[in-house]
Amino acid sequence: MTDYTTVSIPKDLADRVDETIEGTSFSSTSDLVRFLLRSIVIQHQKEGRLTESEFSEITDQLRELGYLE
């Protein structure tokens, strides 16, 4: 069995994510967050560490999705 922890995000951000994932294969905000974090961790593990450029690209993508301001 997998243990879980809770991550808090502002309600308005969660609402924006719900609108963003509408019509996609993501069924919830949690699904999208797990996907994004898993992608970042996998890339980090494959390459040993993220370059500044890769980190910037990821933060830009998270910003576009509304996770960062």
C-alpha atoms as a PDB file:
ATOM      1  CA  MET A   1       0.000   0.000   0.000  1.00  0.00           C
ATOM      2  CA  THR A   2       1.284   3.469  -0.875  1.00  0.00           C
ATOM      3  CA  ASP A   3       1.472   6.118   1.822  1.00  0.00           C
ATOM      4  CA  TYR A   4       0.377   9.636   0.882  1.00  0.00           C
ATOM      5  CA  THR A   5       0.998  13.126   2.147  1.00  0.00           C
ATOM      6  CA  THR A   6      -0.945  16.315   1.579  1.00  0.00           C
ATOM      7  CA  VAL A   7       0.263  19.337  -0.365  1.00  0.00           C
ATOM      8  CA  SER A   8      -1.677  22.553   0.045  1.00  0.00           C
ATOM      9  CA  ILE A   9      -2.287  25.015  -2.748  1.00  0.00           C
ATOM     10  CA  PRO A  10      -4.514  28.092  -2.752  1.00  0.00           C
ATOM     11  CA  LYS A  11      -8.174  27.407  -3.616  1.00  0.00           C
ATOM     12  CA  ASP A  12      -8.112  29.805  -6.575  1.00  0.00           C
ATOM     13  CA  LEU A  13      -5.139  27.904  -8.012  1.00  0.00           C
ATOM     14  CA  ALA A  14      -6.922  24.583  -7.529  1.00  0.00           C
ATOM     15  CA  ASP A  15      -9.942  26.023  -9.356  1.00  0.00           C
ATOM     16  CA  ARG A  16      -7.719  27.157 -12.242  1.00  0.00           C
ATOM     17  CA  VAL A  17      -6.119  23.722 -12.418  1.00  0.00           C
ATOM     18  CA  ASP A  18      -9.569  22.100 -12.492  1.00  0.00           C
ATOM     19  CA  GLU A  19     -10.454  24.295 -15.470  1.00  0.00           C
ATOM     20  CA  THR A  20      -7.110  23.514 -17.143  1.00  0.00           C
ATOM     21  CA  ILE A  21      -7.454  19.739 -16.861  1.00  0.00           C
ATOM     22  CA  GLU A  22     -11.051  19.689 -18.057  1.00  0.00           C
ATOM     23  CA  GLY A  23     -11.204  17.497 -21.147  1.00  0.00           C
ATOM     24  CA  THR A  24      -7.769  15.946 -20.516  1.00  0.00           C
ATOM     25  CA  SER A  25      -6.792  12.527 -19.222  1.00  0.00           C
ATOM     26  CA  PHE A  26      -6.143  14.021 -15.764  1.00  0.00           C
ATOM     27  CA  SER A  27      -9.059  13.298 -13.449  1.00  0.00           C
ATOM     28  CA  SER A  28      -7.996  15.603 -10.626  1.00  0.00           C
ATOM     29  CA  THR A  29      -5.562  18.272  -9.504  1.00  0.00           C
ATOM     30  CA  SER A  30      -3.695  15.563  -7.615  1.00  0.00           C
ATOM     31  CA  ASP A  31      -3.263  13.547 -10.821  1.00  0.00           C
ATOM     32  CA  LEU A  32      -1.701  16.531 -12.580  1.00  0.00           C
ATOM     33  CA  VAL A  33       0.578  17.408  -9.662  1.00  0.00           C
ATOM     34  CA  ARG A  34       1.766  13.792  -9.372  1.00  0.00           C
ATOM     35  CA  PHE A  35       2.478  13.737 -13.113  1.00  0.00           C
ATOM     36  CA  LEU A  36       4.443  16.998 -13.010  1.00  0.00           C
ATOM     37  CA  LEU A  37       6.474  16.079  -9.951  1.00  0.00           C
ATOM     38  CA  ARG A  38       7.164  12.578 -11.245  1.00  0.00           C
ATOM     39  CA  SER A  39       8.365  14.055 -14.551  1.00  0.00           C
ATOM     40  CA  ILE A  40      10.732  16.444 -12.774  1.00  0.00           C
ATOM     41  CA  VAL A  41      12.115  13.731 -10.502  1.00  0.00           C
ATOM     42  CA  ILE A  42      12.606  11.263 -13.373  1.00  0.00           C
ATOM     43  CA  GLN A  43      14.453  13.846 -15.441  1.00  0.00           C
ATOM     44  CA  HIS A  44      16.613  14.757 -12.461  1.00  0.00           C
ATOM     45  CA  GLN A  45      17.464  11.097 -11.800  1.00  0.00           C
ATOM     46  CA  LYS A  46      18.274  10.373 -15.458  1.00  0.00           C
ATOM     47  CA  GLU A  47      20.637  13.291 -15.837  1.00  0.00           C
ATOM     48  CA  GLY A  48      22.060  13.410 -12.349  1.00  0.00           C
ATOM     49  CA  ARG A  49      20.909  16.978 -11.865  1.00  0.00           C
ATOM     50  CA  LEU A  50      18.945  19.654 -13.682  1.00  0.00           C
ATOM     51  CA  THR A  51      20.773  22.317 -15.612  1.00  0.00           C
ATOM     52  CA  GLU A  52      19.816  25.938 -15.042  1.00  0.00           C
ATOM     53  CA  SER A  53      18.141  25.909 -18.462  1.00  0.00           C
ATOM     54  CA  GLU A  54      16.100  22.798 -17.646  1.00  0.00           C
ATOM     55  CA  PHE A  55      15.093  24.230 -14.281  1.00  0.00           C
ATOM     56  CA  SER A  56      13.982  27.451 -15.988  1.00  0.00           C
ATOM     57  CA  GLU A  57      11.976  25.494 -18.546  1.00  0.00           C
ATOM     58  CA  ILE A  58      10.199  23.536 -15.820  1.00  0.00           C
ATOM     59  CA  THR A  59       9.436  26.640 -13.766  1.00  0.00           C
ATOM     60  CA  ASP A  60       8.109  28.370 -16.888  1.00  0.00           C
ATOM     61  CA  GLN A  61       5.794  25.434 -17.525  1.00  0.00           C
ATOM     62  CA  LEU A  62       4.609  25.406 -13.906  1.00  0.00           C
ATOM     63  CA  ARG A  63       4.052  29.179 -14.084  1.00  0.00           C
ATOM     64  CA  GLU A  64       1.960  28.766 -17.250  1.00  0.00           C
ATOM     65  CA  LEU A  65      -0.149  26.171 -15.449  1.00  0.00           C
ATOM     66  CA  GLY A  66      -0.657  28.570 -12.556  1.00  0.00           C
ATOM     67  CA  TYR A  67       1.429  26.737  -9.959  1.00  0.00           C
ATOM     68  CA  LEU A  68       3.937  29.588  -9.693  1.00  0.00           C
ATOM     69  CA  GLU A  69       3.450  33.322  -9.774  1.00  0.00           C
END
